[in-house]
Amino acid sequence: MNTPGGPMAIVCVAIASVAIAVVAAGFALGLTFRMRNLGAATLTQFAIFFTIFLSTSQVPLYAMSGWLRGVARINPMTNILRFARQGFLGDVTWEQSWGGIIAMASLLILTFIYAMTGIKKFDQ
């Protein structure tokens, strides 16, 4: 596969994919432990869908207007998607990477805490 970013393009997509999957798993576990049933899976799917939908997954930020542009600007998924696709659009650069790395790390930490506090409530 020939990409402008070379092999780093694939590495960035792989890192972003695994991070999104682990964030979704942490969110699902936190919800499931709190709700105490598997109906939380539906809420997890709904939340992840809207997080991706309200980002730049379909339309670039410069082409958006109104409330959707404002939401997409602050949505962490926008930075993660920018991180994932940068190697397919050009070189992999720190300028395009740092926002995605911070967003992934923040979401991983928050969902880990959410899942761990959920399991503590589940044990009680």
PDB file of N, CA and C in Angstrom:
ATOM      1  N   MET A   1       0.838  -1.172   0.000  1.00  0.00           N
ATOM      2  CA  MET A   1       0.000   0.000   0.000  1.00  0.00           C
ATOM      3  C   MET A   1       0.885   1.238   0.000  1.00  0.00           C
ATOM      4  N   ASN A   2       0.622   2.130  -0.923  1.00  0.00           N
ATOM      5  CA  ASN A   2       1.418   3.341  -1.050  1.00  0.00           C
ATOM      6  C   ASN A   2       0.638   4.525  -0.484  1.00  0.00           C
ATOM      7  N   THR A   3       1.088   5.035   0.629  1.00  0.00           N
ATOM      8  CA  THR A   3       0.442   6.184   1.255  1.00  0.00           C
ATOM      9  C   THR A   3       1.461   7.302   1.401  1.00  0.00           C
ATOM     10  N   PRO A   4       1.020   8.559   1.374  1.00  0.00           N
ATOM     11  CA  PRO A   4       1.966   9.666   1.546  1.00  0.00           C
ATOM     12  C   PRO A   4       2.733   9.595   2.869  1.00  0.00           C
ATOM     13  N   GLY A   5       2.095   9.073   3.901  1.00  0.00           N
ATOM     14  CA  GLY A   5       2.735   8.983   5.212  1.00  0.00           C
ATOM     15  C   GLY A   5       3.574   7.737   5.405  1.00  0.00           C
ATOM     16  N   GLY A   6       3.580   6.840   4.403  1.00  0.00           N
ATOM     17  CA  GLY A   6       4.344   5.606   4.502  1.00  0.00           C
ATOM     18  C   GLY A   6       3.766   4.653   5.541  1.00  0.00           C
ATOM     19  N   PRO A   7       4.616   3.797   6.115  1.00  0.00           N
ATOM     20  CA  PRO A   7       4.141   2.828   7.106  1.00  0.00           C
ATOM     21  C   PRO A   7       3.546   3.474   8.362  1.00  0.00           C
ATOM     22  N   MET A   8       3.956   4.704   8.652  1.00  0.00           N
ATOM     23  CA  MET A   8       3.408   5.389   9.833  1.00  0.00           C
ATOM     24  C   MET A   8       1.917   5.658   9.692  1.00  0.00           C
ATOM     25  N   ALA A   9       1.428   5.725   8.456  1.00  0.00           N
ATOM     26  CA  ALA A   9      -0.014   5.913   8.246  1.00  0.00           C
ATOM     27  C   ALA A   9      -0.778   4.730   8.822  1.00  0.00           C
ATOM     28  N   ILE A  10      -0.285   3.524   8.575  1.00  0.00           N
ATOM     29  CA  ILE A  10      -0.930   2.314   9.085  1.00  0.00           C
ATOM     30  C   ILE A  10      -0.800   2.250  10.607  1.00  0.00           C
ATOM     31  N   VAL A  11       0.354   2.639  11.122  1.00  0.00           N
ATOM     32  CA  VAL A  11       0.567   2.636  12.573  1.00  0.00           C
ATOM     33  C   VAL A  11      -0.417   3.592  13.258  1.00  0.00           C
ATOM     34  N   CYS A  12      -0.604   4.776  12.689  1.00  0.00           N
ATOM     35  CA  CYS A  12      -1.534   5.751  13.280  1.00  0.00           C
ATOM     36  C   CYS A  12      -2.964   5.233  13.267  1.00  0.00           C
ATOM     37  N   VAL A  13      -3.382   4.609  12.161  1.00  0.00           N
ATOM     38  CA  VAL A  13      -4.737   4.049  12.093  1.00  0.00           C
ATOM     39  C   VAL A  13      -4.900   2.934  13.121  1.00  0.00           C
ATOM     40  N   ALA A  14      -3.886   2.088  13.247  1.00  0.00           N
ATOM     41  CA  ALA A  14      -3.962   0.981  14.204  1.00  0.00           C
ATOM     42  C   ALA A  14      -4.052   1.505  15.639  1.00  0.00           C
ATOM     43  N   ILE A  15      -3.237   2.489  15.970  1.00  0.00           N
ATOM     44  CA  ILE A  15      -3.263   3.054  17.323  1.00  0.00           C
ATOM     45  C   ILE A  15      -4.623   3.676  17.617  1.00  0.00           C
ATOM     46  N   ALA A  16      -5.141   4.458  16.680  1.00  0.00           N
ATOM     47  CA  ALA A  16      -6.441   5.107  16.881  1.00  0.00           C
ATOM     48  C   ALA A  16      -7.561   4.075  16.995  1.00  0.00           C
ATOM     49  N   SER A  17      -7.507   3.036  16.180  1.00  0.00           N
ATOM     50  CA  SER A  17      -8.551   2.000  16.217  1.00  0.00           C
ATOM     51  C   SER A  17      -8.568   1.273  17.555  1.00  0.00           C
ATOM     52  N   VAL A  18      -7.394   0.891  18.028  1.00  0.00           N
ATOM     53  CA  VAL A  18      -7.310   0.196  19.316  1.00  0.00           C
ATOM     54  C   VAL A  18      -7.759   1.123  20.448  1.00  0.00           C
ATOM     55  N   ALA A  19      -7.349   2.378  20.389  1.00  0.00           N
ATOM     56  CA  ALA A  19      -7.744   3.323  21.442  1.00  0.00           C
ATOM     57  C   ALA A  19      -9.257   3.510  21.480  1.00  0.00           C
ATOM     58  N   ILE A  20      -9.885   3.667  20.316  1.00  0.00           N
ATOM     59  CA  ILE A  20     -11.344   3.828  20.279  1.00  0.00           C
ATOM     60  C   ILE A  20     -12.031   2.575  20.806  1.00  0.00           C
ATOM     61  N   ALA A  21     -11.517   1.409  20.454  1.00  0.00           N
ATOM     62  CA  ALA A  21     -12.113   0.155  20.930  1.00  0.00           C
ATOM     63  C   ALA A  21     -11.989   0.023  22.444  1.00  0.00           C
ATOM     64  N   VAL A  22     -10.837   0.375  22.994  1.00  0.00           N
ATOM     65  CA  VAL A  22     -10.637   0.268  24.442  1.00  0.00           C
ATOM     66  C   VAL A  22     -11.488   1.308  25.182  1.00  0.00           C
ATOM     67  N   VAL A  23     -11.600   2.505  24.628  1.00  0.00           N
ATOM     68  CA  VAL A  23     -12.469   3.529  25.229  1.00  0.00           C
ATOM     69  C   VAL A  23     -13.915   3.045  25.236  1.00  0.00           C
ATOM     70  N   ALA A  24     -14.366   2.482  24.124  1.00  0.00           N
ATOM     71  CA  ALA A  24     -15.741   1.959  24.050  1.00  0.00           C
ATOM     72  C   ALA A  24     -15.943   0.833  25.060  1.00  0.00           C
ATOM     73  N   ALA A  25     -14.937  -0.028  25.212  1.00  0.00           N
ATOM     74  CA  ALA A  25     -15.041  -1.130  26.176  1.00  0.00           C
ATOM     75  C   ALA A  25     -15.116  -0.599  27.607  1.00  0.00           C
ATOM     76  N   GLY A  26     -14.285   0.383  27.927  1.00  0.00           N
ATOM     77  CA  GLY A  26     -14.324   0.971  29.268  1.00  0.00           C
ATOM     78  C   GLY A  26     -15.652   1.638  29.558  1.00  0.00           C
ATOM     79  N   PHE A  27     -16.181   2.344  28.570  1.00  0.00           N
ATOM     80  CA  PHE A  27     -17.486   2.985  28.731  1.00  0.00           C
ATOM     81  C   PHE A  27     -18.578   1.934  28.906  1.00  0.00           C
ATOM     82  N   ALA A  28     -18.515   0.871  28.110  1.00  0.00           N
ATOM     83  CA  ALA A  28     -19.514  -0.203  28.205  1.00  0.00           C
ATOM     84  C   ALA A  28     -19.455  -0.893  29.562  1.00  0.00           C
ATOM     85  N   LEU A  29     -18.255  -1.162  30.049  1.00  0.00           N
ATOM     86  CA  LEU A  29     -18.128  -1.802  31.358  1.00  0.00           C
ATOM     87  C   LEU A  29     -18.661  -0.906  32.470  1.00  0.00           C
ATOM     88  N   GLY A  30     -18.313   0.378  32.412  1.00  0.00           N
ATOM     89  CA  GLY A  30     -18.813   1.302  33.422  1.00  0.00           C
ATOM     90  C   GLY A  30     -20.333   1.363  33.444  1.00  0.00           C
ATOM     91  N   LEU A  31     -20.947   1.431  32.262  1.00  0.00           N
ATOM     92  CA  LEU A  31     -22.414   1.443  32.190  1.00  0.00           C
ATOM     93  C   LEU A  31     -23.015   0.132  32.672  1.00  0.00           C
ATOM     94  N   THR A  32     -22.442  -0.977  32.240  1.00  0.00           N
ATOM     95  CA  THR A  32     -22.977  -2.289  32.605  1.00  0.00           C
ATOM     96  C   THR A  32     -22.904  -2.516  34.110  1.00  0.00           C
ATOM     97  N   PHE A  33     -21.794  -2.147  34.728  1.00  0.00           N
ATOM     98  CA  PHE A  33     -21.666  -2.314  36.175  1.00  0.00           C
ATOM     99  C   PHE A  33     -22.670  -1.450  36.930  1.00  0.00           C
ATOM    100  N   ARG A  34     -22.956  -0.280  36.417  1.00  0.00           N
ATOM    101  CA  ARG A  34     -23.914   0.607  37.083  1.00  0.00           C
ATOM    102  C   ARG A  34     -25.359   0.172  36.857  1.00  0.00           C
ATOM    103  N   MET A  35     -25.683  -0.253  35.639  1.00  0.00           N
ATOM    104  CA  MET A  35     -27.058  -0.638  35.315  1.00  0.00           C
ATOM    105  C   MET A  35     -27.376  -2.072  35.739  1.00  0.00           C
ATOM    106  N   ARG A  36     -26.332  -2.870  35.889  1.00  0.00           N
ATOM    107  CA  ARG A  36     -26.467  -4.269  36.295  1.00  0.00           C
ATOM    108  C   ARG A  36     -27.277  -5.109  35.313  1.00  0.00           C
ATOM    109  N   ASN A  37     -27.214  -4.741  34.035  1.00  0.00           N
ATOM    110  CA  ASN A  37     -27.786  -5.594  32.986  1.00  0.00           C
ATOM    111  C   ASN A  37     -27.093  -5.298  31.661  1.00  0.00           C
ATOM    112  N   LEU A  38     -27.340  -6.149  30.687  1.00  0.00           N
ATOM    113  CA  LEU A  38     -26.657  -6.009  29.406  1.00  0.00           C
ATOM    114  C   LEU A  38     -27.326  -5.003  28.476  1.00  0.00           C
ATOM    115  N   GLY A  39     -28.379  -4.349  28.946  1.00  0.00           N
ATOM    116  CA  GLY A  39     -28.999  -3.294  28.161  1.00  0.00           C
ATOM    117  C   GLY A  39     -28.066  -2.112  27.946  1.00  0.00           C
ATOM    118  N   ALA A  40     -27.002  -2.076  28.712  1.00  0.00           N
ATOM    119  CA  ALA A  40     -26.019  -1.008  28.561  1.00  0.00           C
ATOM    120  C   ALA A  40     -25.311  -1.079  27.211  1.00  0.00           C
ATOM    121  N   ALA A  41     -25.298  -2.252  26.593  1.00  0.00           N
ATOM    122  CA  ALA A  41     -24.651  -2.387  25.285  1.00  0.00           C
ATOM    123  C   ALA A  41     -25.313  -1.483  24.253  1.00  0.00           C
ATOM    124  N   THR A  42     -26.618  -1.378  24.314  1.00  0.00           N
ATOM    125  CA  THR A  42     -27.344  -0.508  23.390  1.00  0.00           C
ATOM    126  C   THR A  42     -26.972   0.950  23.617  1.00  0.00           C
ATOM    127  N   LEU A  43     -26.888   1.355  24.872  1.00  0.00           N
ATOM    128  CA  LEU A  43     -26.503   2.732  25.179  1.00  0.00           C
ATOM    129  C   LEU A  43     -25.072   3.023  24.756  1.00  0.00           C
ATOM    130  N   THR A  44     -24.199   2.038  24.901  1.00  0.00           N
ATOM    131  CA  THR A  44     -22.814   2.209  24.484  1.00  0.00           C
ATOM    132  C   THR A  44     -22.738   2.421  22.982  1.00  0.00           C
ATOM    133  N   GLN A  45     -23.416   1.581  22.238  1.00  0.00           N
ATOM    134  CA  GLN A  45     -23.419   1.705  20.778  1.00  0.00           C
ATOM    135  C   GLN A  45     -23.969   3.072  20.358  1.00  0.00           C
ATOM    136  N   PHE A  46     -25.032   3.499  21.000  1.00  0.00           N
ATOM    137  CA  PHE A  46     -25.652   4.788  20.723  1.00  0.00           C
ATOM    138  C   PHE A  46     -24.672   5.930  20.998  1.00  0.00           C
ATOM    139  N   ALA A  47     -23.998   5.880  22.137  1.00  0.00           N
ATOM    140  CA  ALA A  47     -23.059   6.940  22.518  1.00  0.00           C
ATOM    141  C   ALA A  47     -21.863   7.004  21.574  1.00  0.00           C
ATOM    142  N   ILE A  48     -21.293   5.853  21.232  1.00  0.00           N
ATOM    143  CA  ILE A  48     -20.142   5.837  20.333  1.00  0.00           C
ATOM    144  C   ILE A  48     -20.542   6.335  18.950  1.00  0.00           C
ATOM    145  N   PHE A  49     -21.714   5.912  18.466  1.00  0.00           N
ATOM    146  CA  PHE A  49     -22.191   6.379  17.162  1.00  0.00           C
ATOM    147  C   PHE A  49     -22.293   7.901  17.135  1.00  0.00           C
ATOM    148  N   PHE A  50     -22.917   8.486  18.152  1.00  0.00           N
ATOM    149  CA  PHE A  50     -23.081   9.933  18.148  1.00  0.00           C
ATOM    150  C   PHE A  50     -21.767  10.666  18.363  1.00  0.00           C
ATOM    151  N   THR A  51     -20.852  10.078  19.095  1.00  0.00           N
ATOM    152  CA  THR A  51     -19.541  10.701  19.260  1.00  0.00           C
ATOM    153  C   THR A  51     -18.824  10.778  17.920  1.00  0.00           C
ATOM    154  N   ILE A  52     -18.905   9.716  17.142  1.00  0.00           N
ATOM    155  CA  ILE A  52     -18.274   9.720  15.821  1.00  0.00           C
ATOM    156  C   ILE A  52     -19.063  10.593  14.849  1.00  0.00           C
ATOM    157  N   PHE A  53     -20.386  10.513  14.885  1.00  0.00           N
ATOM    158  CA  PHE A  53     -21.228  11.290  13.977  1.00  0.00           C
ATOM    159  C   PHE A  53     -21.036  12.791  14.172  1.00  0.00           C
ATOM    160  N   LEU A  54     -20.877  13.232  15.414  1.00  0.00           N
ATOM    161  CA  LEU A  54     -20.726  14.658  15.712  1.00  0.00           C
ATOM    162  C   LEU A  54     -19.269  15.106  15.665  1.00  0.00           C
ATOM    163  N   SER A  55     -18.483  14.465  14.807  1.00  0.00           N
ATOM    164  CA  SER A  55     -17.084  14.831  14.611  1.00  0.00           C
ATOM    165  C   SER A  55     -16.885  15.127  13.124  1.00  0.00           C
ATOM    166  N   THR A  56     -15.642  15.103  12.702  1.00  0.00           N
ATOM    167  CA  THR A  56     -15.331  15.358  11.291  1.00  0.00           C
ATOM    168  C   THR A  56     -15.241  14.065  10.494  1.00  0.00           C
ATOM    169  N   SER A  57     -15.942  13.039  10.915  1.00  0.00           N
ATOM    170  CA  SER A  57     -15.852  11.756  10.215  1.00  0.00           C
ATOM    171  C   SER A  57     -16.466  11.805   8.822  1.00  0.00           C
ATOM    172  N   GLN A  58     -17.461  12.637   8.603  1.00  0.00           N
ATOM    173  CA  GLN A  58     -18.140  12.701   7.311  1.00  0.00           C
ATOM    174  C   GLN A  58     -17.796  13.957   6.513  1.00  0.00           C
ATOM    175  N   VAL A  59     -17.605  15.068   7.197  1.00  0.00           N
ATOM    176  CA  VAL A  59     -17.396  16.364   6.541  1.00  0.00           C
ATOM    177  C   VAL A  59     -16.220  17.064   7.217  1.00  0.00           C
ATOM    178  N   PRO A  60     -15.312  17.661   6.436  1.00  0.00           N
ATOM    179  CA  PRO A  60     -14.209  18.409   7.054  1.00  0.00           C
ATOM    180  C   PRO A  60     -14.726  19.599   7.866  1.00  0.00           C
ATOM    181  N   LEU A  61     -13.979  19.975   8.868  1.00  0.00           N
ATOM    182  CA  LEU A  61     -14.389  21.052   9.769  1.00  0.00           C
ATOM    183  C   LEU A  61     -14.624  22.365   9.019  1.00  0.00           C
ATOM    184  N   TYR A  62     -13.783  22.672   8.040  1.00  0.00           N
ATOM    185  CA  TYR A  62     -13.937  23.939   7.317  1.00  0.00           C
ATOM    186  C   TYR A  62     -15.227  23.989   6.503  1.00  0.00           C
ATOM    187  N   ALA A  63     -15.810  22.851   6.173  1.00  0.00           N
ATOM    188  CA  ALA A  63     -17.049  22.815   5.391  1.00  0.00           C
ATOM    189  C   ALA A  63     -18.299  22.815   6.271  1.00  0.00           C
ATOM    190  N   MET A  64     -18.127  22.701   7.581  1.00  0.00           N
ATOM    191  CA  MET A  64     -19.268  22.683   8.503  1.00  0.00           C
ATOM    192  C   MET A  64     -19.674  24.103   8.869  1.00  0.00           C
ATOM    193  N   SER A  65     -20.921  24.232   9.286  1.00  0.00           N
ATOM    194  CA  SER A  65     -21.391  25.527   9.777  1.00  0.00           C
ATOM    195  C   SER A  65     -22.399  25.290  10.897  1.00  0.00           C
ATOM    196  N   GLY A  66     -22.712  26.362  11.600  1.00  0.00           N
ATOM    197  CA  GLY A  66     -23.725  26.278  12.647  1.00  0.00           C
ATOM    198  C   GLY A  66     -23.267  25.505  13.867  1.00  0.00           C
ATOM    199  N   TRP A  67     -24.245  24.908  14.549  1.00  0.00           N
ATOM    200  CA  TRP A  67     -23.986  24.213  15.805  1.00  0.00           C
ATOM    201  C   TRP A  67     -23.113  22.982  15.621  1.00  0.00           C
ATOM    202  N   LEU A  68     -23.205  22.323  14.452  1.00  0.00           N
ATOM    203  CA  LEU A  68     -22.406  21.117  14.232  1.00  0.00           C
ATOM    204  C   LEU A  68     -20.918  21.442  14.205  1.00  0.00           C
ATOM    205  N   ARG A  69     -20.555  22.573  13.637  1.00  0.00           N
ATOM    206  CA  ARG A  69     -19.151  22.988  13.619  1.00  0.00           C
ATOM    207  C   ARG A  69     -18.644  23.208  15.049  1.00  0.00           C
ATOM    208  N   GLY A  70     -19.449  23.856  15.875  1.00  0.00           N
ATOM    209  CA  GLY A  70     -19.054  24.091  17.262  1.00  0.00           C
ATOM    210  C   GLY A  70     -18.877  22.799  18.040  1.00  0.00           C
ATOM    211  N   VAL A  71     -19.781  21.859  17.835  1.00  0.00           N
ATOM    212  CA  VAL A  71     -19.689  20.565  18.521  1.00  0.00           C
ATOM    213  C   VAL A  71     -18.477  19.784  18.022  1.00  0.00           C
ATOM    214  N   ALA A  72     -18.263  19.771  16.709  1.00  0.00           N
ATOM    215  CA  ALA A  72     -17.140  19.016  16.140  1.00  0.00           C
ATOM    216  C   ALA A  72     -15.800  19.586  16.588  1.00  0.00           C
ATOM    217  N   ARG A  73     -15.729  20.892  16.786  1.00  0.00           N
ATOM    218  CA  ARG A  73     -14.470  21.510  17.229  1.00  0.00           C
ATOM    219  C   ARG A  73     -14.047  21.039  18.609  1.00  0.00           C
ATOM    220  N   ILE A  74     -15.004  20.811  19.510  1.00  0.00           N
ATOM    221  CA  ILE A  74     -14.643  20.411  20.878  1.00  0.00           C
ATOM    222  C   ILE A  74     -14.735  18.902  21.100  1.00  0.00           C
ATOM    223  N   ASN A  75     -15.225  18.166  20.112  1.00  0.00           N
ATOM    224  CA  ASN A  75     -15.368  16.717  20.227  1.00  0.00           C
ATOM    225  C   ASN A  75     -13.981  16.066  20.151  1.00  0.00           C
ATOM    226  N   PRO A  76     -13.582  15.281  21.146  1.00  0.00           N
ATOM    227  CA  PRO A  76     -12.264  14.646  21.099  1.00  0.00           C
ATOM    228  C   PRO A  76     -12.107  13.680  19.922  1.00  0.00           C
ATOM    229  N   MET A  77     -13.210  13.141  19.423  1.00  0.00           N
ATOM    230  CA  MET A  77     -13.125  12.214  18.298  1.00  0.00           C
ATOM    231  C   MET A  77     -12.597  12.906  17.042  1.00  0.00           C
ATOM    232  N   THR A  78     -12.813  14.208  16.906  1.00  0.00           N
ATOM    233  CA  THR A  78     -12.275  14.959  15.771  1.00  0.00           C
ATOM    234  C   THR A  78     -10.756  14.872  15.760  1.00  0.00           C
ATOM    235  N   ASN A  79     -10.133  15.053  16.917  1.00  0.00           N
ATOM    236  CA  ASN A  79      -8.670  14.972  17.003  1.00  0.00           C
ATOM    237  C   ASN A  79      -8.166  13.556  16.778  1.00  0.00           C
ATOM    238  N   ILE A  80      -8.906  12.569  17.256  1.00  0.00           N
ATOM    239  CA  ILE A  80      -8.497  11.179  17.049  1.00  0.00           C
ATOM    240  C   ILE A  80      -8.585  10.819  15.571  1.00  0.00           C
ATOM    241  N   LEU A  81      -9.639  11.247  14.903  1.00  0.00           N
ATOM    242  CA  LEU A  81      -9.769  10.980  13.465  1.00  0.00           C
ATOM    243  C   LEU A  81      -8.701  11.718  12.667  1.00  0.00           C
ATOM    244  N   ARG A  82      -8.357  12.940  13.058  1.00  0.00           N
ATOM    245  CA  ARG A  82      -7.277  13.681  12.395  1.00  0.00           C
ATOM    246  C   ARG A  82      -5.963  12.919  12.550  1.00  0.00           C
ATOM    247  N   PHE A  83      -5.727  12.397  13.743  1.00  0.00           N
ATOM    248  CA  PHE A  83      -4.531  11.587  13.995  1.00  0.00           C
ATOM    249  C   PHE A  83      -4.519  10.347  13.104  1.00  0.00           C
ATOM    250  N   ALA A  84      -5.670   9.680  12.980  1.00  0.00           N
ATOM    251  CA  ALA A  84      -5.741   8.428  12.227  1.00  0.00           C
ATOM    252  C   ALA A  84      -5.564   8.630  10.730  1.00  0.00           C
ATOM    253  N   ARG A  85      -6.103   9.698  10.172  1.00  0.00           N
ATOM    254  CA  ARG A  85      -6.077   9.844   8.708  1.00  0.00           C
ATOM    255  C   ARG A  85      -4.933  10.691   8.180  1.00  0.00           C
ATOM    256  N   GLN A  86      -4.131  11.276   9.052  1.00  0.00           N
ATOM    257  CA  GLN A  86      -3.087  12.182   8.588  1.00  0.00           C
ATOM    258  C   GLN A  86      -2.100  11.540   7.618  1.00  0.00           C
ATOM    259  N   GLY A  87      -1.732  10.296   7.830  1.00  0.00           N
ATOM    260  CA  GLY A  87      -0.774   9.627   6.961  1.00  0.00           C
ATOM    261  C   GLY A  87      -1.314   9.293   5.587  1.00  0.00           C
ATOM    262  N   PHE A  88      -2.622   9.314   5.430  1.00  0.00           N
ATOM    263  CA  PHE A  88      -3.231   9.066   4.126  1.00  0.00           C
ATOM    264  C   PHE A  88      -3.400  10.356   3.334  1.00  0.00           C
ATOM    265  N   LEU A  89      -3.306  11.496   4.016  1.00  0.00           N
ATOM    266  CA  LEU A  89      -3.475  12.796   3.361  1.00  0.00           C
ATOM    267  C   LEU A  89      -2.157  13.520   3.163  1.00  0.00           C
ATOM    268  N   GLY A  90      -1.122  13.088   3.840  1.00  0.00           N
ATOM    269  CA  GLY A  90       0.191  13.722   3.761  1.00  0.00           C
ATOM    270  C   GLY A  90       1.131  13.045   4.744  1.00  0.00           C
ATOM    271  N   ASP A  91       2.182  13.751   5.109  1.00  0.00           N
ATOM    272  CA  ASP A  91       3.137  13.194   6.062  1.00  0.00           C
ATOM    273  C   ASP A  91       2.550  13.169   7.471  1.00  0.00           C
ATOM    274  N   VAL A  92       3.054  12.242   8.279  1.00  0.00           N
ATOM    275  CA  VAL A  92       2.688  12.179   9.694  1.00  0.00           C
ATOM    276  C   VAL A  92       3.540  13.220  10.416  1.00  0.00           C
ATOM    277  N   THR A  93       2.870  14.184  11.031  1.00  0.00           N
ATOM    278  CA  THR A  93       3.582  15.276  11.693  1.00  0.00           C
ATOM    279  C   THR A  93       3.129  15.397  13.145  1.00  0.00           C
ATOM    280  N   TRP A  94       3.983  16.004  13.943  1.00  0.00           N
ATOM    281  CA  TRP A  94       3.645  16.233  15.343  1.00  0.00           C
ATOM    282  C   TRP A  94       2.455  17.183  15.450  1.00  0.00           C
ATOM    283  N   GLU A  95       2.374  18.165  14.555  1.00  0.00           N
ATOM    284  CA  GLU A  95       1.281  19.139  14.570  1.00  0.00           C
ATOM    285  C   GLU A  95      -0.079  18.461  14.416  1.00  0.00           C
ATOM    286  N   GLN A  96      -0.150  17.416  13.587  1.00  0.00           N
ATOM    287  CA  GLN A  96      -1.393  16.685  13.383  1.00  0.00           C
ATOM    288  C   GLN A  96      -1.593  15.584  14.427  1.00  0.00           C
ATOM    289  N   SER A  97      -0.530  15.207  15.135  1.00  0.00           N
ATOM    290  CA  SER A  97      -0.592  14.068  16.061  1.00  0.00           C
ATOM    291  C   SER A  97      -0.935  14.440  17.492  1.00  0.00           C
ATOM    292  N   TRP A  98      -0.432  15.551  17.982  1.00  0.00           N
ATOM    293  CA  TRP A  98      -0.525  15.824  19.420  1.00  0.00           C
ATOM    294  C   TRP A  98      -1.959  15.892  19.920  1.00  0.00           C
ATOM    295  N   GLY A  99      -2.864  16.491  19.181  1.00  0.00           N
ATOM    296  CA  GLY A  99      -4.253  16.579  19.634  1.00  0.00           C
ATOM    297  C   GLY A  99      -4.899  15.211  19.777  1.00  0.00           C
ATOM    298  N   GLY A 100      -4.623  14.332  18.822  1.00  0.00           N
ATOM    299  CA  GLY A 100      -5.170  12.977  18.871  1.00  0.00           C
ATOM    300  C   GLY A 100      -4.596  12.163  20.016  1.00  0.00           C
ATOM    301  N   ILE A 101      -3.302  12.321  20.253  1.00  0.00           N
ATOM    302  CA  ILE A 101      -2.658  11.585  21.345  1.00  0.00           C
ATOM    303  C   ILE A 101      -3.227  12.031  22.696  1.00  0.00           C
ATOM    304  N   ILE A 102      -3.385  13.337  22.874  1.00  0.00           N
ATOM    305  CA  ILE A 102      -3.957  13.847  24.127  1.00  0.00           C
ATOM    306  C   ILE A 102      -5.401  13.386  24.284  1.00  0.00           C
ATOM    307  N   ALA A 103      -6.177  13.438  23.196  1.00  0.00           N
ATOM    308  CA  ALA A 103      -7.579  13.003  23.260  1.00  0.00           C
ATOM    309  C   ALA A 103      -7.677  11.519  23.601  1.00  0.00           C
ATOM    310  N   MET A 104      -6.834  10.696  22.955  1.00  0.00           N
ATOM    311  CA  MET A 104      -6.869   9.256  23.246  1.00  0.00           C
ATOM    312  C   MET A 104      -6.474   8.981  24.688  1.00  0.00           C
ATOM    313  N   ALA A 105      -5.391   9.605  25.145  1.00  0.00           N
ATOM    314  CA  ALA A 105      -4.940   9.386  26.522  1.00  0.00           C
ATOM    315  C   ALA A 105      -6.001   9.837  27.530  1.00  0.00           C
ATOM    316  N   SER A 106      -6.601  10.988  27.292  1.00  0.00           N
ATOM    317  CA  SER A 106      -7.631  11.498  28.209  1.00  0.00           C
ATOM    318  C   SER A 106      -8.838  10.575  28.270  1.00  0.00           C
ATOM    319  N   LEU A 107      -9.324  10.149  27.105  1.00  0.00           N
ATOM    320  CA  LEU A 107     -10.489   9.263  27.084  1.00  0.00           C
ATOM    321  C   LEU A 107     -10.176   7.903  27.692  1.00  0.00           C
ATOM    322  N   LEU A 108      -8.965   7.402  27.461  1.00  0.00           N
ATOM    323  CA  LEU A 108      -8.580   6.119  28.061  1.00  0.00           C
ATOM    324  C   LEU A 108      -8.557   6.223  29.584  1.00  0.00           C
ATOM    325  N   ILE A 109      -7.991   7.294  30.102  1.00  0.00           N
ATOM    326  CA  ILE A 109      -7.940   7.486  31.557  1.00  0.00           C
ATOM    327  C   ILE A 109      -9.345   7.642  32.132  1.00  0.00           C
ATOM    328  N   LEU A 110     -10.163   8.479  31.499  1.00  0.00           N
ATOM    329  CA  LEU A 110     -11.521   8.719  32.006  1.00  0.00           C
ATOM    330  C   LEU A 110     -12.382   7.460  31.974  1.00  0.00           C
ATOM    331  N   THR A 111     -12.317   6.694  30.891  1.00  0.00           N
ATOM    332  CA  THR A 111     -13.143   5.484  30.829  1.00  0.00           C
ATOM    333  C   THR A 111     -12.604   4.393  31.751  1.00  0.00           C
ATOM    334  N   PHE A 112     -11.291   4.367  31.987  1.00  0.00           N
ATOM    335  CA  PHE A 112     -10.733   3.422  32.955  1.00  0.00           C
ATOM    336  C   PHE A 112     -11.260   3.745  34.353  1.00  0.00           C
ATOM    337  N   ILE A 113     -11.233   5.021  34.708  1.00  0.00           N
ATOM    338  CA  ILE A 113     -11.760   5.435  36.017  1.00  0.00           C
ATOM    339  C   ILE A 113     -13.247   5.128  36.108  1.00  0.00           C
ATOM    340  N   TYR A 114     -13.988   5.401  35.045  1.00  0.00           N
ATOM    341  CA  TYR A 114     -15.428   5.137  35.016  1.00  0.00           C
ATOM    342  C   TYR A 114     -15.717   3.646  35.209  1.00  0.00           C
ATOM    343  N   ALA A 115     -14.950   2.793  34.525  1.00  0.00           N
ATOM    344  CA  ALA A 115     -15.147   1.345  34.663  1.00  0.00           C
ATOM    345  C   ALA A 115     -14.762   0.866  36.062  1.00  0.00           C
ATOM    346  N   MET A 116     -13.660   1.368  36.600  1.00  0.00           N
ATOM    347  CA  MET A 116     -13.210   0.922  37.921  1.00  0.00           C
ATOM    348  C   MET A 116     -14.157   1.373  39.031  1.00  0.00           C
ATOM    349  N   THR A 117     -14.676   2.588  38.948  1.00  0.00           N
ATOM    350  CA  THR A 117     -15.642   3.016  39.961  1.00  0.00           C
ATOM    351  C   THR A 117     -16.955   2.251  39.798  1.00  0.00           C
ATOM    352  N   GLY A 118     -17.276   1.870  38.582  1.00  0.00           N
ATOM    353  CA  GLY A 118     -18.475   1.060  38.349  1.00  0.00           C
ATOM    354  C   GLY A 118     -18.356  -0.323  38.953  1.00  0.00           C
ATOM    355  N   ILE A 119     -17.178  -0.937  38.839  1.00  0.00           N
ATOM    356  CA  ILE A 119     -17.006  -2.286  39.400  1.00  0.00           C
ATOM    357  C   ILE A 119     -17.017  -2.226  40.928  1.00  0.00           C
ATOM    358  N   LYS A 120     -16.529  -1.137  41.499  1.00  0.00           N
ATOM    359  CA  LYS A 120     -16.585  -1.001  42.961  1.00  0.00           C
ATOM    360  C   LYS A 120     -18.030  -0.878  43.438  1.00  0.00           C
ATOM    361  N   LYS A 121     -18.851  -0.163  42.681  1.00  0.00           N
ATOM    362  CA  LYS A 121     -20.275  -0.055  43.028  1.00  0.00           C
ATOM    363  C   LYS A 121     -20.984  -1.383  42.815  1.00  0.00           C
ATOM    364  N   PHE A 122     -20.545  -2.137  41.837  1.00  0.00           N
ATOM    365  CA  PHE A 122     -21.151  -3.437  41.535  1.00  0.00           C
ATOM    366  C   PHE A 122     -20.900  -4.430  42.662  1.00  0.00           C
ATOM    367  N   ASP A 123     -19.716  -4.359  43.268  1.00  0.00           N
ATOM    368  CA  ASP A 123     -19.357  -5.269  44.362  1.00  0.00           C
ATOM    369  C   ASP A 123     -20.129  -4.980  45.640  1.00  0.00           C
ATOM    370  N   GLN A 124     -20.660  -3.805  45.805  1.00  0.00           N
ATOM    371  CA  GLN A 124     -21.348  -3.439  47.053  1.00  0.00           C
ATOM    372  C   GLN A 124     -22.737  -3.994  47.111  1.00  0.00           C
TER     373      GLN A 124
END
